[in-house]
Amino acid sequence: MRKLENSELDRKSIEDFKKSEKTPLILVLDDIRSLHNIGSVFRTADAFLIEKIILCGITATPPNKEIHKTALGATETVAWEHHENVLEVIENLKKENILTMAIEQVESSIFLQDFKIKEDQKYALVFGNEVYGVSQEAVAICDGCIEIPQLGTKHSLNISVSAGIVVWDLFQKINWRQ
């Protein structure tokens, strides 16, 4: 085995990325404190051609030196917007027939491995604050909740890790219709 050189990775240009068909996922980040988490989510969104990121509440926005450290330029490729109120964002997404799913541990949540993708459906995934998670108010108006099963003592994952796990899983299901 030989490690590939950067020149062999067939990377898209910014222009090619913007023209590419996007994965029908919107990531909603509500009250994310860590600039590194925000940057990591941008980088994950770039990797899987995510349609858009919506930053809400206290979540910082690009351009920002600390976001850039982990995003590594993904803020230039991934579409994003900022809104103050996550509840309004969720309601507006629902009006556009986008299925809104909070990523949270709640009663009647659907384990990630059991979540089924519907053909021709666009999804918005709502991720919450590092300490408090997705607010109860946001959970209450989402169409449902997806939970990442966890077996250890913490039952808590970093938001950027959660985003990576969920996006990868749904990306596979969307592209290979599991």
C-alpha atoms as a PDB file:
ATOM      1  CA  MET A   1       0.000   0.000   0.000  1.00  0.00           C
ATOM      2  CA  ARG A   2       1.060   3.548  -0.743  1.00  0.00           C
ATOM      3  CA  LYS A   3      -0.378   6.690   0.773  1.00  0.00           C
ATOM      4  CA  LEU A   4      -1.877   8.928  -1.914  1.00  0.00           C
ATOM      5  CA  GLU A   5      -0.390  12.336  -2.650  1.00  0.00           C
ATOM      6  CA  ASN A   6      -2.683  15.370  -2.443  1.00  0.00           C
ATOM      7  CA  SER A   7      -2.483  15.707  -6.230  1.00  0.00           C
ATOM      8  CA  GLU A   8      -4.021  12.216  -6.580  1.00  0.00           C
ATOM      9  CA  LEU A   9      -7.117  12.923  -4.477  1.00  0.00           C
ATOM     10  CA  ASP A  10      -9.266  14.404  -7.273  1.00  0.00           C
ATOM     11  CA  ARG A  11     -10.301  17.386  -5.172  1.00  0.00           C
ATOM     12  CA  LYS A  12     -12.988  19.684  -6.500  1.00  0.00           C
ATOM     13  CA  SER A  13     -12.286  23.348  -7.060  1.00  0.00           C
ATOM     14  CA  ILE A  14     -14.496  25.807  -5.171  1.00  0.00           C
ATOM     15  CA  GLU A  15     -16.319  26.497  -8.441  1.00  0.00           C
ATOM     16  CA  ASP A  16     -16.850  22.769  -9.110  1.00  0.00           C
ATOM     17  CA  PHE A  17     -18.074  22.259  -5.550  1.00  0.00           C
ATOM     18  CA  LYS A  18     -20.645  25.041  -5.892  1.00  0.00           C
ATOM     19  CA  LYS A  19     -21.901  23.546  -9.189  1.00  0.00           C
ATOM     20  CA  SER A  20     -22.116  19.981  -7.833  1.00  0.00           C
ATOM     21  CA  GLU A  21     -25.393  18.313  -6.977  1.00  0.00           C
ATOM     22  CA  LYS A  22     -25.723  18.494  -3.207  1.00  0.00           C
ATOM     23  CA  THR A  23     -26.708  15.890  -0.672  1.00  0.00           C
ATOM     24  CA  PRO A  24     -30.259  16.866   0.435  1.00  0.00           C
ATOM     25  CA  LEU A  25     -29.250  17.631   4.018  1.00  0.00           C
ATOM     26  CA  ILE A  26     -29.298  20.937   5.867  1.00  0.00           C
ATOM     27  CA  LEU A  27     -27.414  21.158   9.152  1.00  0.00           C
ATOM     28  CA  VAL A  28     -28.858  23.488  11.785  1.00  0.00           C
ATOM     29  CA  LEU A  29     -26.400  24.433  14.538  1.00  0.00           C
ATOM     30  CA  ASP A  30     -28.076  26.094  17.515  1.00  0.00           C
ATOM     31  CA  ASP A  31     -26.102  27.931  20.200  1.00  0.00           C
ATOM     32  CA  ILE A  32     -22.800  26.179  19.499  1.00  0.00           C
ATOM     33  CA  ARG A  33     -20.117  27.778  21.676  1.00  0.00           C
ATOM     34  CA  SER A  34     -16.958  26.201  20.302  1.00  0.00           C
ATOM     35  CA  LEU A  35     -15.539  27.790  17.179  1.00  0.00           C
ATOM     36  CA  HIS A  36     -13.589  24.585  16.557  1.00  0.00           C
ATOM     37  CA  ASN A  37     -16.832  22.566  16.574  1.00  0.00           C
ATOM     38  CA  ILE A  38     -18.349  24.966  14.056  1.00  0.00           C
ATOM     39  CA  GLY A  39     -15.301  24.662  11.809  1.00  0.00           C
ATOM     40  CA  SER A  40     -15.338  20.867  12.069  1.00  0.00           C
ATOM     41  CA  VAL A  41     -18.982  20.737  11.008  1.00  0.00           C
ATOM     42  CA  PHE A  42     -18.167  22.929   7.997  1.00  0.00           C
ATOM     43  CA  ARG A  43     -15.394  20.524   7.036  1.00  0.00           C
ATOM     44  CA  THR A  44     -17.711  17.515   7.355  1.00  0.00           C
ATOM     45  CA  ALA A  45     -20.361  19.337   5.302  1.00  0.00           C
ATOM     46  CA  ASP A  46     -17.789  19.969   2.580  1.00  0.00           C
ATOM     47  CA  ALA A  47     -16.689  16.320   2.554  1.00  0.00           C
ATOM     48  CA  PHE A  48     -20.235  15.074   1.920  1.00  0.00           C
ATOM     49  CA  LEU A  49     -21.508  17.902  -0.339  1.00  0.00           C
ATOM     50  CA  ILE A  50     -24.092  19.045   2.192  1.00  0.00           C
ATOM     51  CA  GLU A  51     -26.561  21.575   0.829  1.00  0.00           C
ATOM     52  CA  LYS A  52     -26.304  24.188   3.570  1.00  0.00           C
ATOM     53  CA  ILE A  53     -25.525  24.973   7.188  1.00  0.00           C
ATOM     54  CA  ILE A  54     -27.822  27.261   9.173  1.00  0.00           C
ATOM     55  CA  LEU A  55     -26.131  28.847  12.178  1.00  0.00           C
ATOM     56  CA  CYS A  56     -28.483  29.984  14.946  1.00  0.00           C
ATOM     57  CA  GLY A  57     -28.358  31.948  18.176  1.00  0.00           C
ATOM     58  CA  ILE A  58     -24.880  32.460  19.640  1.00  0.00           C
ATOM     59  CA  THR A  59     -23.243  30.221  17.013  1.00  0.00           C
ATOM     60  CA  ALA A  60     -20.406  32.264  15.502  1.00  0.00           C
ATOM     61  CA  THR A  61     -20.196  32.884  11.773  1.00  0.00           C
ATOM     62  CA  PRO A  62     -17.386  33.026   9.233  1.00  0.00           C
ATOM     63  CA  PRO A  63     -15.097  34.705   8.567  1.00  0.00           C
ATOM     64  CA  ASN A  64     -13.441  33.824  11.838  1.00  0.00           C
ATOM     65  CA  LYS A  65      -9.831  32.796  12.432  1.00  0.00           C
ATOM     66  CA  GLU A  66     -10.756  30.100  14.982  1.00  0.00           C
ATOM     67  CA  ILE A  67     -13.462  28.590  12.731  1.00  0.00           C
ATOM     68  CA  HIS A  68     -10.989  28.603   9.846  1.00  0.00           C
ATOM     69  CA  LYS A  69      -8.456  26.545  11.858  1.00  0.00           C
ATOM     70  CA  THR A  70     -10.685  23.476  11.665  1.00  0.00           C
ATOM     71  CA  ALA A  71     -12.775  24.320   8.573  1.00  0.00           C
ATOM     72  CA  LEU A  72      -9.643  24.630   6.410  1.00  0.00           C
ATOM     73  CA  GLY A  73     -11.476  26.607   3.726  1.00  0.00           C
ATOM     74  CA  ALA A  74     -14.823  24.789   3.882  1.00  0.00           C
ATOM     75  CA  THR A  75     -16.529  28.081   4.804  1.00  0.00           C
ATOM     76  CA  GLU A  76     -15.755  29.122   1.208  1.00  0.00           C
ATOM     77  CA  THR A  77     -17.499  26.103  -0.315  1.00  0.00           C
ATOM     78  CA  VAL A  78     -20.448  25.211   1.920  1.00  0.00           C
ATOM     79  CA  ALA A  79     -23.434  27.568   1.738  1.00  0.00           C
ATOM     80  CA  TRP A  80     -24.396  28.986   5.113  1.00  0.00           C
ATOM     81  CA  GLU A  81     -26.650  31.563   6.712  1.00  0.00           C
ATOM     82  CA  HIS A  82     -27.259  32.882  10.209  1.00  0.00           C
ATOM     83  CA  HIS A  83     -30.564  33.381  12.024  1.00  0.00           C
ATOM     84  CA  GLU A  84     -31.152  34.370  15.624  1.00  0.00           C
ATOM     85  CA  ASN A  85     -34.121  32.142  16.357  1.00  0.00           C
ATOM     86  CA  VAL A  86     -33.866  28.380  15.790  1.00  0.00           C
ATOM     87  CA  LEU A  87     -37.620  27.922  16.317  1.00  0.00           C
ATOM     88  CA  GLU A  88     -38.369  30.227  13.381  1.00  0.00           C
ATOM     89  CA  VAL A  89     -35.785  28.381  11.282  1.00  0.00           C
ATOM     90  CA  ILE A  90     -37.395  25.003  12.040  1.00  0.00           C
ATOM     91  CA  GLU A  91     -40.892  26.327  11.285  1.00  0.00           C
ATOM     92  CA  ASN A  92     -39.694  27.812   7.968  1.00  0.00           C
ATOM     93  CA  LEU A  93     -37.962  24.569   6.979  1.00  0.00           C
ATOM     94  CA  LYS A  94     -41.137  22.639   7.735  1.00  0.00           C
ATOM     95  CA  LYS A  95     -43.135  25.049   5.534  1.00  0.00           C
ATOM     96  CA  GLU A  96     -40.746  24.067   2.719  1.00  0.00           C
ATOM     97  CA  ASN A  97     -41.624  20.380   3.333  1.00  0.00           C
ATOM     98  CA  ILE A  98     -38.170  19.687   4.741  1.00  0.00           C
ATOM     99  CA  LEU A  99     -38.271  16.977   7.400  1.00  0.00           C
ATOM    100  CA  THR A 100     -36.704  18.377  10.580  1.00  0.00           C
ATOM    101  CA  MET A 101     -34.946  15.907  12.861  1.00  0.00           C
ATOM    102  CA  ALA A 102     -33.319  16.879  16.147  1.00  0.00           C
ATOM    103  CA  ILE A 103     -30.226  14.873  17.042  1.00  0.00           C
ATOM    104  CA  GLU A 104     -30.984  14.262  20.695  1.00  0.00           C
ATOM    105  CA  GLN A 105     -31.792  11.681  23.345  1.00  0.00           C
ATOM    106  CA  VAL A 106     -35.538  11.883  23.929  1.00  0.00           C
ATOM    107  CA  GLU A 107     -38.551   9.687  24.561  1.00  0.00           C
ATOM    108  CA  SER A 108     -39.545   7.917  21.347  1.00  0.00           C
ATOM    109  CA  SER A 109     -36.345   8.817  19.515  1.00  0.00           C
ATOM    110  CA  ILE A 110     -35.336   6.696  16.537  1.00  0.00           C
ATOM    111  CA  PHE A 111     -31.939   5.056  16.808  1.00  0.00           C
ATOM    112  CA  LEU A 112     -29.732   6.197  13.947  1.00  0.00           C
ATOM    113  CA  GLN A 113     -29.349   2.697  12.518  1.00  0.00           C
ATOM    114  CA  ASP A 114     -33.161   2.335  12.398  1.00  0.00           C
ATOM    115  CA  PHE A 115     -33.850   5.698  10.721  1.00  0.00           C
ATOM    116  CA  LYS A 116     -35.201   5.142   7.203  1.00  0.00           C
ATOM    117  CA  ILE A 117     -34.657   7.632   4.390  1.00  0.00           C
ATOM    118  CA  LYS A 118     -37.648   8.562   2.248  1.00  0.00           C
ATOM    119  CA  GLU A 119     -37.089   8.901  -1.481  1.00  0.00           C
ATOM    120  CA  ASP A 120     -36.963  12.533  -2.715  1.00  0.00           C
ATOM    121  CA  GLN A 121     -37.137  13.915   0.833  1.00  0.00           C
ATOM    122  CA  LYS A 122     -34.892  16.706   2.059  1.00  0.00           C
ATOM    123  CA  TYR A 123     -33.839  16.635   5.723  1.00  0.00           C
ATOM    124  CA  ALA A 124     -32.718  19.237   8.232  1.00  0.00           C
ATOM    125  CA  LEU A 125     -30.682  17.938  11.159  1.00  0.00           C
ATOM    126  CA  VAL A 126     -30.781  20.092  14.295  1.00  0.00           C
ATOM    127  CA  PHE A 127     -27.736  19.977  16.578  1.00  0.00           C
ATOM    128  CA  GLY A 128     -27.697  21.793  19.912  1.00  0.00           C
ATOM    129  CA  ASN A 129     -25.422  23.360  22.471  1.00  0.00           C
ATOM    130  CA  GLU A 130     -22.429  21.427  23.788  1.00  0.00           C
ATOM    131  CA  VAL A 131     -23.795  21.376  27.349  1.00  0.00           C
ATOM    132  CA  TYR A 132     -27.588  21.553  26.989  1.00  0.00           C
ATOM    133  CA  GLY A 133     -28.150  19.864  23.628  1.00  0.00           C
ATOM    134  CA  VAL A 134     -31.147  20.732  21.470  1.00  0.00           C
ATOM    135  CA  SER A 135     -33.600  22.854  23.467  1.00  0.00           C
ATOM    136  CA  GLN A 136     -36.887  21.273  24.555  1.00  0.00           C
ATOM    137  CA  GLU A 137     -38.752  23.935  22.562  1.00  0.00           C
ATOM    138  CA  ALA A 138     -36.886  22.946  19.384  1.00  0.00           C
ATOM    139  CA  VAL A 139     -37.326  19.217  20.054  1.00  0.00           C
ATOM    140  CA  ALA A 140     -41.078  19.768  20.498  1.00  0.00           C
ATOM    141  CA  ILE A 141     -41.539  21.299  17.032  1.00  0.00           C
ATOM    142  CA  CYS A 142     -39.222  19.004  15.073  1.00  0.00           C
ATOM    143  CA  ASP A 143     -40.763  16.196  13.056  1.00  0.00           C
ATOM    144  CA  GLY A 144     -38.779  13.667  15.057  1.00  0.00           C
ATOM    145  CA  CYS A 145     -35.555  12.881  16.862  1.00  0.00           C
ATOM    146  CA  ILE A 146     -32.646  10.685  15.911  1.00  0.00           C
ATOM    147  CA  GLU A 147     -30.477   9.252  18.659  1.00  0.00           C
ATOM    148  CA  ILE A 148     -26.954   7.900  18.329  1.00  0.00           C
ATOM    149  CA  PRO A 149     -26.860   4.736  20.449  1.00  0.00           C
ATOM    150  CA  GLN A 150     -24.152   4.877  23.119  1.00  0.00           C
ATOM    151  CA  LEU A 151     -23.115   2.149  25.525  1.00  0.00           C
ATOM    152  CA  GLY A 152     -20.516   3.771  27.785  1.00  0.00           C
ATOM    153  CA  THR A 153     -20.816   5.861  30.927  1.00  0.00           C
ATOM    154  CA  LYS A 154     -21.032   9.326  29.319  1.00  0.00           C
ATOM    155  CA  HIS A 155     -23.868   9.023  26.791  1.00  0.00           C
ATOM    156  CA  SER A 156     -22.645  12.276  25.349  1.00  0.00           C
ATOM    157  CA  LEU A 157     -20.654  12.994  22.190  1.00  0.00           C
ATOM    158  CA  ASN A 158     -19.018  16.191  21.009  1.00  0.00           C
ATOM    159  CA  ILE A 159     -21.333  18.004  18.590  1.00  0.00           C
ATOM    160  CA  SER A 160     -18.839  17.825  15.724  1.00  0.00           C
ATOM    161  CA  VAL A 161     -18.405  14.085  16.312  1.00  0.00           C
ATOM    162  CA  SER A 162     -22.209  13.638  16.401  1.00  0.00           C
ATOM    163  CA  ALA A 163     -22.535  15.584  13.155  1.00  0.00           C
ATOM    164  CA  GLY A 164     -19.888  13.433  11.499  1.00  0.00           C
ATOM    165  CA  ILE A 165     -21.549  10.192  12.569  1.00  0.00           C
ATOM    166  CA  VAL A 166     -25.069  11.229  11.552  1.00  0.00           C
ATOM    167  CA  VAL A 167     -24.055  12.869   8.275  1.00  0.00           C
ATOM    168  CA  TRP A 168     -22.014   9.831   7.227  1.00  0.00           C
ATOM    169  CA  ASP A 169     -24.862   7.469   8.059  1.00  0.00           C
ATOM    170  CA  LEU A 170     -27.515   9.498   6.214  1.00  0.00           C
ATOM    171  CA  PHE A 171     -25.156  10.169   3.289  1.00  0.00           C
ATOM    172  CA  GLN A 172     -24.824   6.404   2.827  1.00  0.00           C
ATOM    173  CA  LYS A 173     -28.559   5.831   3.146  1.00  0.00           C
ATOM    174  CA  ILE A 174     -29.369   8.607   0.662  1.00  0.00           C
ATOM    175  CA  ASN A 175     -26.807   7.486  -1.894  1.00  0.00           C
ATOM    176  CA  TRP A 176     -27.329   3.754  -1.521  1.00  0.00           C
ATOM    177  CA  ARG A 177     -31.029   3.785  -0.508  1.00  0.00           C
ATOM    178  CA  GLN A 178     -30.793   1.514   2.492  1.00  0.00           C
END
